[in-house]
Amino acid sequence: MAAAVAARGGAVGVRRRAARAAAPGAARAPRARAAPRSVGAVSVWAVARPQGARGEPRPARLAIRTAAAAELSVPEPMDGGFASRVDWQKVRVGVSLAGWFFLNAVFAIYNKKTLNCFPYPWLLSWIQIAFGAAMMVVAWGVKALPAPKIDMKGYLSLVPTATLHLIAHVSACACYNFSNVSFMQMVKAAEPACSVVCLALFFRTRYSFKTWLTLVPIIAGVALGSAKEINFSMIAFVMAMMSNVACAFRGVTSKQAQADLGIRGINLYAAIAIVSSVLLLPFALLVEGPHLAHAFADAGNAMVELGYGATASAFLPFLLTGSAFYHLYNQTAYQALAEMTPLTHSIANTVKRVIIICASLVIFRNPITPLGACSAAVAIGGTFLYSLARQAEEREKKLAAAKAAPPSA
């Protein structure tokens, strides 16, 4: 009985193969695979098959693959599900910005206290930059962080960015030395205006009328606040504006360095710090080197007199701690820059200044007039309007590009 059934099945199979061979039009076509549709925690593929040799339609098959097997897929957020890739990018940017704001506020306080004891901005700038570079070299050496693959040609290509970096830092330290923290941060709030003007003049970047209009309250607030500043210093104002211009260009060249060298974030900043420390050392020794012999002894005594430490020997750990904060806040800043445009980075930089101004007023109790506070608020409010205008401009560009794009087949 079983042998008869098997024989009949074999004969049927032979007849079917012969029929397909005799009808070329009925040859089996390749299966068409549709795009995956994500449903909850599973992905479903509909596999469509052509009609059989006899013309009868064959049912579609459903291939079900669980999300655990989808190693390269990203789950879509549905009813409280997992965050998408874009959401995780926002989380990374938010964490970097929070760390950047906090570390920069702490560094600003440390930096002002250090300059009260050690009024040598060139030497202090080199120590802070070189200390951060040494931290990164050690991290690379012990394999705590993967070292970037940069040859000598790559380091030489960073000279423009490193030059802008050291100019921005030295001028900022000089501004701290000649004025208080709140005044310096208020003038630095004009960095977005400097970015727009510099990018428009030197890189032919075009901005909407709304963007230009938002620069009015920024410039007016900084100008009025500077005029009514109790401890106004023209040297401090010029140094802060020089730092603004250098930061504007540094944001652009840093983005270009990311594209040219293929590195970003902390490794990019570390490479810039290494080149900056080499470039800055001879200038620091030339300008303030003769004071180096008694600078540290006087700084320790001044630290005790101002109440920053119990003994004069505490100055060196205090100096290195401030240098570590400088490196860490720049590290988080470059991590944020890796996910943002230079102009958006400038906006975040301005928001950060609000935190620093408030912290400095609490720590140093610097006097500030009501008009000065209103001027700072106007400047900072202008940066918020500027941010909204830039976002609207970017959306309009994307919509225009989408309309101009040819329809897909």
Protein backbone atom coordinates (compact mmCIF):
# COMPACT_ATOMS: atom_id res chain seq x y z
CA MET A 1 0.00 0.00 0.00
CA ALA A 2 2.72 2.47 1.04
CA ALA A 3 4.80 1.53 -1.97
CA ALA A 4 1.89 2.26 -4.27
CA VAL A 5 1.31 5.68 -2.74
CA ALA A 6 5.00 6.54 -3.08
CA ALA A 7 4.97 5.43 -6.71
CA ARG A 8 1.94 7.57 -7.50
CA GLY A 9 3.57 10.59 -5.75
CA GLY A 10 6.73 10.12 -7.78
CA ALA A 11 4.78 9.92 -11.02
CA VAL A 12 2.88 13.10 -10.19
CA GLY A 13 6.16 14.89 -9.48
CA VAL A 14 7.59 13.76 -12.81
CA ARG A 15 4.50 14.97 -14.71
CA ARG A 16 4.61 18.40 -13.00
CA ARG A 17 8.31 18.91 -13.81
CA ALA A 18 7.67 17.87 -17.41
CA ALA A 19 4.78 20.34 -17.69
CA ARG A 20 6.91 23.21 -16.39
CA ALA A 21 9.71 22.31 -18.77
CA ALA A 22 7.27 22.27 -21.69
CA ALA A 23 5.80 25.70 -20.78
CA PRO A 24 8.68 28.27 -20.62
CA GLY A 25 6.29 31.07 -19.70
CA ALA A 26 5.42 29.22 -16.56
CA ALA A 27 8.97 29.13 -15.31
CA ARG A 28 9.32 30.04 -11.68
CA ALA A 29 9.99 33.76 -11.20
CA PRO A 30 12.15 35.01 -8.37
CA ARG A 31 10.32 35.84 -5.20
CA ALA A 32 9.55 39.51 -4.60
CA ARG A 33 10.35 40.64 -1.08
CA ALA A 34 8.49 43.57 0.33
CA ALA A 35 9.90 46.11 2.76
CA PRO A 36 9.62 45.13 6.46
CA ARG A 37 6.71 46.45 8.45
CA SER A 38 7.40 46.96 12.14
CA VAL A 39 4.53 45.75 14.35
CA GLY A 40 5.24 46.05 18.06
CA ALA A 41 8.17 43.80 18.88
CA VAL A 42 8.09 41.75 15.64
CA SER A 43 8.81 42.49 12.01
CA VAL A 44 6.67 40.87 9.32
CA TRP A 45 7.68 40.25 5.71
CA ALA A 46 5.04 39.50 3.07
CA VAL A 47 6.54 37.16 0.47
CA ALA A 48 4.51 37.28 -2.76
CA ARG A 49 4.72 34.26 -5.04
CA PRO A 50 3.62 34.13 -8.73
CA GLN A 51 0.84 31.93 -10.01
CA GLY A 52 1.51 28.26 -10.47
CA ALA A 53 1.78 26.33 -13.67
CA ARG A 54 -1.95 25.64 -13.73
CA GLY A 55 -2.87 29.29 -13.15
CA GLU A 56 -4.16 28.84 -9.61
CA PRO A 57 -3.06 31.61 -7.17
CA ARG A 58 -0.75 30.48 -4.41
CA PRO A 59 -1.18 31.92 -0.88
CA ALA A 60 1.39 34.43 0.42
CA ARG A 61 3.76 33.33 3.09
CA LEU A 62 4.50 35.38 6.23
CA ALA A 63 8.00 35.22 7.57
CA ILE A 64 8.12 36.41 11.18
CA ARG A 65 11.34 37.51 12.76
CA THR A 66 11.48 38.57 16.41
CA ALA A 67 13.06 41.87 17.43
CA ALA A 68 15.75 40.00 19.35
CA ALA A 69 17.10 38.65 16.06
CA ALA A 70 17.03 42.04 14.37
CA GLU A 71 20.54 43.12 15.34
CA LEU A 72 20.74 46.03 12.94
CA SER A 73 17.17 47.27 13.22
CA VAL A 74 16.07 50.17 15.42
CA PRO A 75 12.65 49.78 17.08
CA GLU A 76 10.12 52.45 16.36
CA PRO A 77 8.52 54.27 19.31
CA MET A 78 4.91 53.09 19.66
CA ASP A 79 2.86 53.73 22.78
CA GLY A 80 5.80 54.25 25.12
CA GLY A 81 8.19 51.98 23.23
CA PHE A 82 11.90 52.40 22.77
CA ALA A 83 13.35 55.70 21.57
CA SER A 84 14.42 55.98 17.98
CA ARG A 85 17.92 56.80 16.79
CA VAL A 86 17.13 60.50 16.51
CA ASP A 87 15.90 60.53 20.11
CA TRP A 88 19.11 58.91 21.33
CA GLN A 89 21.08 61.56 19.50
CA LYS A 90 19.13 64.23 21.36
CA VAL A 91 19.88 62.46 24.64
CA ARG A 92 23.60 62.44 23.88
CA VAL A 93 23.55 66.12 23.00
CA GLY A 94 21.59 66.94 26.15
CA VAL A 95 24.01 65.06 28.40
CA SER A 96 26.99 66.72 26.74
CA LEU A 97 25.41 70.16 27.11
CA ALA A 98 24.56 69.60 30.78
CA GLY A 99 28.12 68.50 31.53
CA TRP A 100 29.49 71.37 29.49
CA PHE A 101 27.41 73.97 31.37
CA PHE A 102 28.28 72.62 34.82
CA LEU A 103 31.99 72.11 34.21
CA ASN A 104 32.37 75.52 32.57
CA ALA A 105 30.66 77.26 35.50
CA VAL A 106 33.00 75.54 37.96
CA PHE A 107 36.02 76.36 35.78
CA ALA A 108 35.03 80.04 35.51
CA ILE A 109 35.05 80.33 39.32
CA TYR A 110 38.35 78.46 39.61
CA ASN A 111 39.88 80.54 36.84
CA LYS A 112 38.95 83.88 38.40
CA LYS A 113 40.27 82.80 41.80
CA THR A 114 43.48 81.55 40.21
CA LEU A 115 44.02 84.84 38.38
CA ASN A 116 43.46 86.75 41.63
CA CYS A 117 46.49 84.89 42.98
CA PHE A 118 48.44 84.32 39.75
CA PRO A 119 47.83 87.31 37.40
CA TYR A 120 49.66 85.86 34.40
CA PRO A 121 47.11 84.92 31.71
CA TRP A 122 49.67 83.73 29.14
CA LEU A 123 51.35 81.28 31.52
CA LEU A 124 48.04 80.21 33.03
CA SER A 125 46.56 79.54 29.58
CA TRP A 126 49.52 77.38 28.60
CA ILE A 127 49.37 75.39 31.85
CA GLN A 128 45.67 74.70 31.41
CA ILE A 129 45.94 73.68 27.76
CA ALA A 130 49.09 71.59 28.27
CA PHE A 131 47.64 69.83 31.33
CA GLY A 132 44.62 68.73 29.32
CA ALA A 133 46.85 67.53 26.48
CA ALA A 134 48.93 65.51 28.98
CA MET A 135 45.75 63.96 30.40
CA MET A 136 44.77 62.75 26.95
CA VAL A 137 48.23 61.37 26.14
CA VAL A 138 48.13 59.34 29.36
CA ALA A 139 44.60 58.10 28.57
CA TRP A 140 45.78 56.98 25.14
CA GLY A 141 48.88 55.33 26.60
CA VAL A 142 46.97 53.20 29.13
CA LYS A 143 44.33 52.32 26.51
CA ALA A 144 41.58 54.08 28.49
CA LEU A 145 40.57 55.77 25.24
CA PRO A 146 41.29 54.74 21.65
CA ALA A 147 44.06 56.88 20.22
CA PRO A 148 43.31 58.64 16.93
CA LYS A 149 45.38 57.78 13.88
CA ILE A 150 46.95 61.14 13.04
CA ASP A 151 50.29 61.57 11.31
CA MET A 152 52.46 64.67 11.32
CA LYS A 153 50.65 66.03 8.30
CA GLY A 154 47.38 65.75 10.18
CA TYR A 155 48.74 67.65 13.18
CA LEU A 156 50.07 70.36 10.89
CA SER A 157 46.62 70.73 9.33
CA LEU A 158 45.32 71.58 12.81
CA VAL A 159 47.58 74.62 13.18
CA PRO A 160 44.88 77.14 12.11
CA THR A 161 42.31 75.66 14.51
CA ALA A 162 44.87 75.41 17.31
CA THR A 163 45.91 79.03 16.76
CA LEU A 164 42.31 80.19 17.03
CA HIS A 165 41.87 78.03 20.12
CA LEU A 166 44.80 79.54 21.97
CA ILE A 167 43.82 83.09 20.95
CA ALA A 168 40.31 82.49 22.30
CA HIS A 169 41.61 81.13 25.60
CA VAL A 170 44.40 83.61 26.22
CA SER A 171 42.13 86.59 25.49
CA ALA A 172 39.42 85.11 27.74
CA CYS A 173 41.91 84.69 30.60
CA ALA A 174 43.12 88.26 30.05
CA CYS A 175 39.51 89.48 30.26
CA TYR A 176 39.05 87.60 33.54
CA ASN A 177 42.23 89.23 34.80
CA PHE A 178 41.06 92.80 34.08
CA SER A 179 37.37 92.47 34.96
CA ASN A 180 34.84 90.34 36.81
CA VAL A 181 33.22 87.14 35.61
CA SER A 182 29.74 88.57 34.99
CA PHE A 183 31.03 91.36 32.74
CA MET A 184 33.18 88.97 30.74
CA GLN A 185 30.28 86.57 30.23
CA MET A 186 27.94 89.38 29.22
CA VAL A 187 30.32 90.54 26.50
CA LYS A 188 30.86 86.95 25.42
CA ALA A 189 27.09 86.72 24.90
CA ALA A 190 27.71 88.58 21.64
CA GLU A 191 29.39 85.48 20.19
CA PRO A 192 26.40 84.57 17.95
CA ALA A 193 26.50 88.06 16.43
CA CYS A 194 30.21 87.65 15.77
CA SER A 195 29.56 84.25 14.21
CA VAL A 196 26.91 85.58 11.83
CA VAL A 197 29.01 88.56 10.76
CA CYS A 198 32.20 86.53 10.31
CA LEU A 199 30.52 83.69 8.42
CA ALA A 200 28.66 86.14 6.19
CA LEU A 201 31.77 88.17 5.37
CA PHE A 202 34.40 85.47 4.99
CA PHE A 203 32.40 82.36 4.03
CA ARG A 204 29.55 84.04 2.11
CA THR A 205 26.95 82.37 4.28
CA ARG A 206 23.48 83.81 3.77
CA TYR A 207 21.00 84.41 6.56
CA SER A 208 17.39 85.46 6.57
CA PHE A 209 16.20 88.92 7.55
CA LYS A 210 14.75 87.49 10.77
CA THR A 211 18.16 86.18 11.78
CA TRP A 212 19.80 89.55 11.23
CA LEU A 213 16.98 91.25 13.11
CA THR A 214 17.56 89.13 16.21
CA LEU A 215 21.11 90.44 16.45
CA VAL A 216 19.77 93.90 17.39
CA PRO A 217 18.82 93.03 21.00
CA ILE A 218 22.05 91.06 21.44
CA ILE A 219 24.24 93.98 20.37
CA ALA A 220 22.09 96.55 22.18
CA GLY A 221 22.11 94.57 25.43
CA VAL A 222 25.87 94.06 25.39
CA ALA A 223 26.53 97.71 24.49
CA LEU A 224 24.20 99.10 27.17
CA GLY A 225 25.45 96.68 29.79
CA SER A 226 29.07 97.57 29.03
CA ALA A 227 28.32 101.31 29.24
CA LYS A 228 26.66 100.90 32.66
CA GLU A 229 29.16 98.41 34.05
CA ILE A 230 30.52 99.61 37.39
CA ASN A 231 33.94 98.05 36.85
CA PHE A 232 34.12 98.63 33.10
CA SER A 233 37.50 98.01 31.48
CA MET A 234 38.16 98.71 27.81
CA ILE A 235 41.00 96.17 27.80
CA ALA A 236 38.65 93.52 29.16
CA PHE A 237 36.00 94.43 26.56
CA VAL A 238 38.48 94.19 23.68
CA MET A 239 39.83 90.86 24.98
CA ALA A 240 36.33 89.41 25.27
CA MET A 241 35.42 90.49 21.74
CA MET A 242 38.67 89.03 20.42
CA SER A 243 37.75 85.75 22.08
CA ASN A 244 34.30 85.91 20.42
CA VAL A 245 35.79 86.31 16.94
CA ALA A 246 38.32 83.53 17.52
CA CYS A 247 35.59 81.17 18.78
CA ALA A 248 33.44 81.91 15.73
CA PHE A 249 36.20 80.92 13.31
CA ARG A 250 37.28 78.00 15.49
CA GLY A 251 33.80 76.48 15.24
CA VAL A 252 34.03 76.47 11.46
CA THR A 253 37.59 75.13 11.24
CA SER A 254 36.82 72.45 13.82
CA LYS A 255 33.98 71.15 11.67
CA GLN A 256 36.32 71.12 8.68
CA ALA A 257 38.93 69.23 10.71
CA GLN A 258 36.34 66.59 11.54
CA ALA A 259 35.71 66.03 7.86
CA ASP A 260 39.38 66.09 6.81
CA LEU A 261 40.88 63.93 9.59
CA GLY A 262 37.91 61.71 10.36
CA ILE A 263 38.12 62.35 14.11
CA ARG A 264 35.68 64.13 16.35
CA GLY A 265 34.72 64.86 19.93
CA ILE A 266 37.32 64.34 22.64
CA ASN A 267 40.05 63.08 20.30
CA LEU A 268 39.68 66.14 18.08
CA TYR A 269 39.97 68.48 21.05
CA ALA A 270 42.96 66.55 22.40
CA ALA A 271 44.79 66.87 19.08
CA ILE A 272 44.01 70.61 19.01
CA ALA A 273 45.24 70.97 22.61
CA ILE A 274 48.53 69.24 21.79
CA VAL A 275 49.20 71.56 18.86
CA SER A 276 48.05 74.62 20.86
CA SER A 277 50.37 73.86 23.77
CA VAL A 278 53.34 73.61 21.41
CA LEU A 279 52.46 76.88 19.67
CA LEU A 280 51.69 78.81 22.87
CA LEU A 281 54.73 77.89 24.97
CA PRO A 282 57.32 80.18 23.31
CA PHE A 283 54.94 83.17 23.39
CA ALA A 284 54.05 82.57 27.04
CA LEU A 285 57.71 82.41 28.02
CA LEU A 286 58.50 85.50 25.96
CA VAL A 287 55.74 87.64 27.47
CA GLU A 288 55.61 86.44 31.09
CA GLY A 289 58.64 84.17 31.43
CA PRO A 290 60.71 86.70 33.46
CA HIS A 291 58.05 86.58 36.22
CA LEU A 292 58.09 82.81 36.46
CA ALA A 293 60.68 82.65 39.27
CA HIS A 294 58.59 84.42 41.91
CA ALA A 295 55.12 83.89 40.39
CA PHE A 296 54.34 80.63 42.19
CA ALA A 297 55.68 81.81 45.57
CA ASP A 298 53.63 84.98 45.42
CA ALA A 299 50.57 83.05 44.29
CA GLY A 300 50.70 80.74 47.31
CA ASN A 301 50.90 83.67 49.73
CA ALA A 302 48.08 85.50 47.95
CA MET A 303 45.94 82.38 48.11
CA VAL A 304 46.26 82.29 51.91
CA GLU A 305 45.53 86.02 52.21
CA LEU A 306 42.37 85.75 50.09
CA GLY A 307 41.15 82.74 52.00
CA TYR A 308 41.24 80.33 49.07
CA GLY A 309 43.54 77.90 50.94
CA ALA A 310 44.98 77.17 54.33
CA THR A 311 48.62 77.01 53.23
CA ALA A 312 50.71 78.37 50.39
CA SER A 313 51.45 74.85 49.17
CA ALA A 314 47.78 74.39 48.30
CA PHE A 315 48.11 76.62 45.23
CA LEU A 316 49.60 73.98 42.94
CA PRO A 317 46.78 71.44 43.52
CA PHE A 318 44.30 74.30 43.13
CA LEU A 319 45.91 75.28 39.81
CA LEU A 320 45.88 71.72 38.48
CA THR A 321 42.27 71.17 39.56
CA GLY A 322 41.20 74.26 37.62
CA SER A 323 43.19 73.00 34.63
CA ALA A 324 41.40 69.64 34.82
CA PHE A 325 38.03 71.41 34.81
CA TYR A 326 39.15 73.42 31.80
CA HIS A 327 39.98 70.27 29.87
CA LEU A 328 36.78 68.49 30.88
CA TYR A 329 34.49 71.35 29.93
CA ASN A 330 36.18 71.68 26.54
CA GLN A 331 35.90 67.92 26.08
CA THR A 332 32.13 68.01 26.60
CA ALA A 333 31.90 71.11 24.41
CA TYR A 334 33.56 69.31 21.50
CA GLN A 335 31.38 66.25 22.08
CA ALA A 336 28.36 68.54 21.71
CA LEU A 337 29.91 70.24 18.67
CA ALA A 338 30.24 66.85 16.99
CA GLU A 339 26.41 66.62 16.96
CA MET A 340 25.60 70.28 16.22
CA THR A 341 26.26 73.03 13.71
CA PRO A 342 28.75 75.79 14.62
CA LEU A 343 25.99 78.38 14.99
CA THR A 344 23.86 76.15 17.20
CA HIS A 345 26.97 75.51 19.25
CA SER A 346 27.34 79.27 19.69
CA ILE A 347 23.75 79.50 20.90
CA ALA A 348 24.34 76.80 23.49
CA ASN A 349 27.50 78.63 24.47
CA THR A 350 25.44 81.75 25.16
CA VAL A 351 22.85 79.90 27.26
CA LYS A 352 25.71 78.54 29.31
CA ARG A 353 26.76 82.09 30.18
CA VAL A 354 23.52 82.65 32.06
CA ILE A 355 24.51 79.86 34.44
CA ILE A 356 28.03 81.24 34.83
CA ILE A 357 26.79 84.78 35.53
CA CYS A 358 24.41 83.55 38.21
CA ALA A 359 27.10 81.37 39.79
CA SER A 360 29.64 84.21 39.82
CA LEU A 361 27.18 86.60 41.44
CA VAL A 362 26.58 84.08 44.21
CA ILE A 363 30.26 83.23 44.77
CA PHE A 364 31.98 86.61 44.31
CA ARG A 365 29.02 88.87 45.20
CA ASN A 366 29.97 91.32 42.46
CA PRO A 367 27.79 94.47 42.45
CA ILE A 368 25.44 94.74 39.50
CA THR A 369 23.02 97.58 38.78
CA PRO A 370 19.38 96.94 37.81
CA LEU A 371 20.11 98.42 34.39
CA GLY A 372 23.06 96.11 33.99
CA ALA A 373 20.92 93.10 34.87
CA CYS A 374 18.24 94.20 32.37
CA SER A 375 20.89 94.68 29.68
CA ALA A 376 22.20 91.18 30.21
CA ALA A 377 18.65 89.84 30.06
CA VAL A 378 18.04 91.67 26.78
CA ALA A 379 21.23 90.25 25.26
CA ILE A 380 20.41 86.73 26.39
CA GLY A 381 16.80 87.10 25.22
CA GLY A 382 18.14 88.14 21.84
CA THR A 383 20.14 84.92 21.64
CA PHE A 384 16.95 82.96 22.30
CA LEU A 385 15.14 84.78 19.48
CA TYR A 386 18.17 84.18 17.29
CA SER A 387 17.96 80.46 18.01
CA LEU A 388 14.28 80.39 17.02
CA ALA A 389 15.02 82.31 13.81
CA ARG A 390 17.81 79.92 12.86
CA GLN A 391 15.59 76.90 13.45
CA ALA A 392 12.86 78.39 11.29
CA GLU A 393 15.39 79.18 8.57
CA GLU A 394 16.71 75.61 8.58
CA ARG A 395 13.17 74.22 8.31
CA GLU A 396 12.43 76.48 5.35
CA LYS A 397 15.60 75.32 3.61
CA LYS A 398 14.69 71.67 4.11
CA LEU A 399 11.18 72.21 2.78
CA ALA A 400 12.50 74.07 -0.26
CA ALA A 401 15.01 71.28 -0.94
CA ALA A 402 12.28 68.65 -0.62
CA LYS A 403 10.05 70.48 -3.10
CA ALA A 404 12.91 70.95 -5.57
CA ALA A 405 13.93 67.28 -5.41
CA PRO A 406 12.64 65.17 -8.35
CA PRO A 407 9.92 62.64 -7.47
CA SER A 408 11.18 59.15 -6.82
CA ALA A 409 10.21 56.43 -9.25
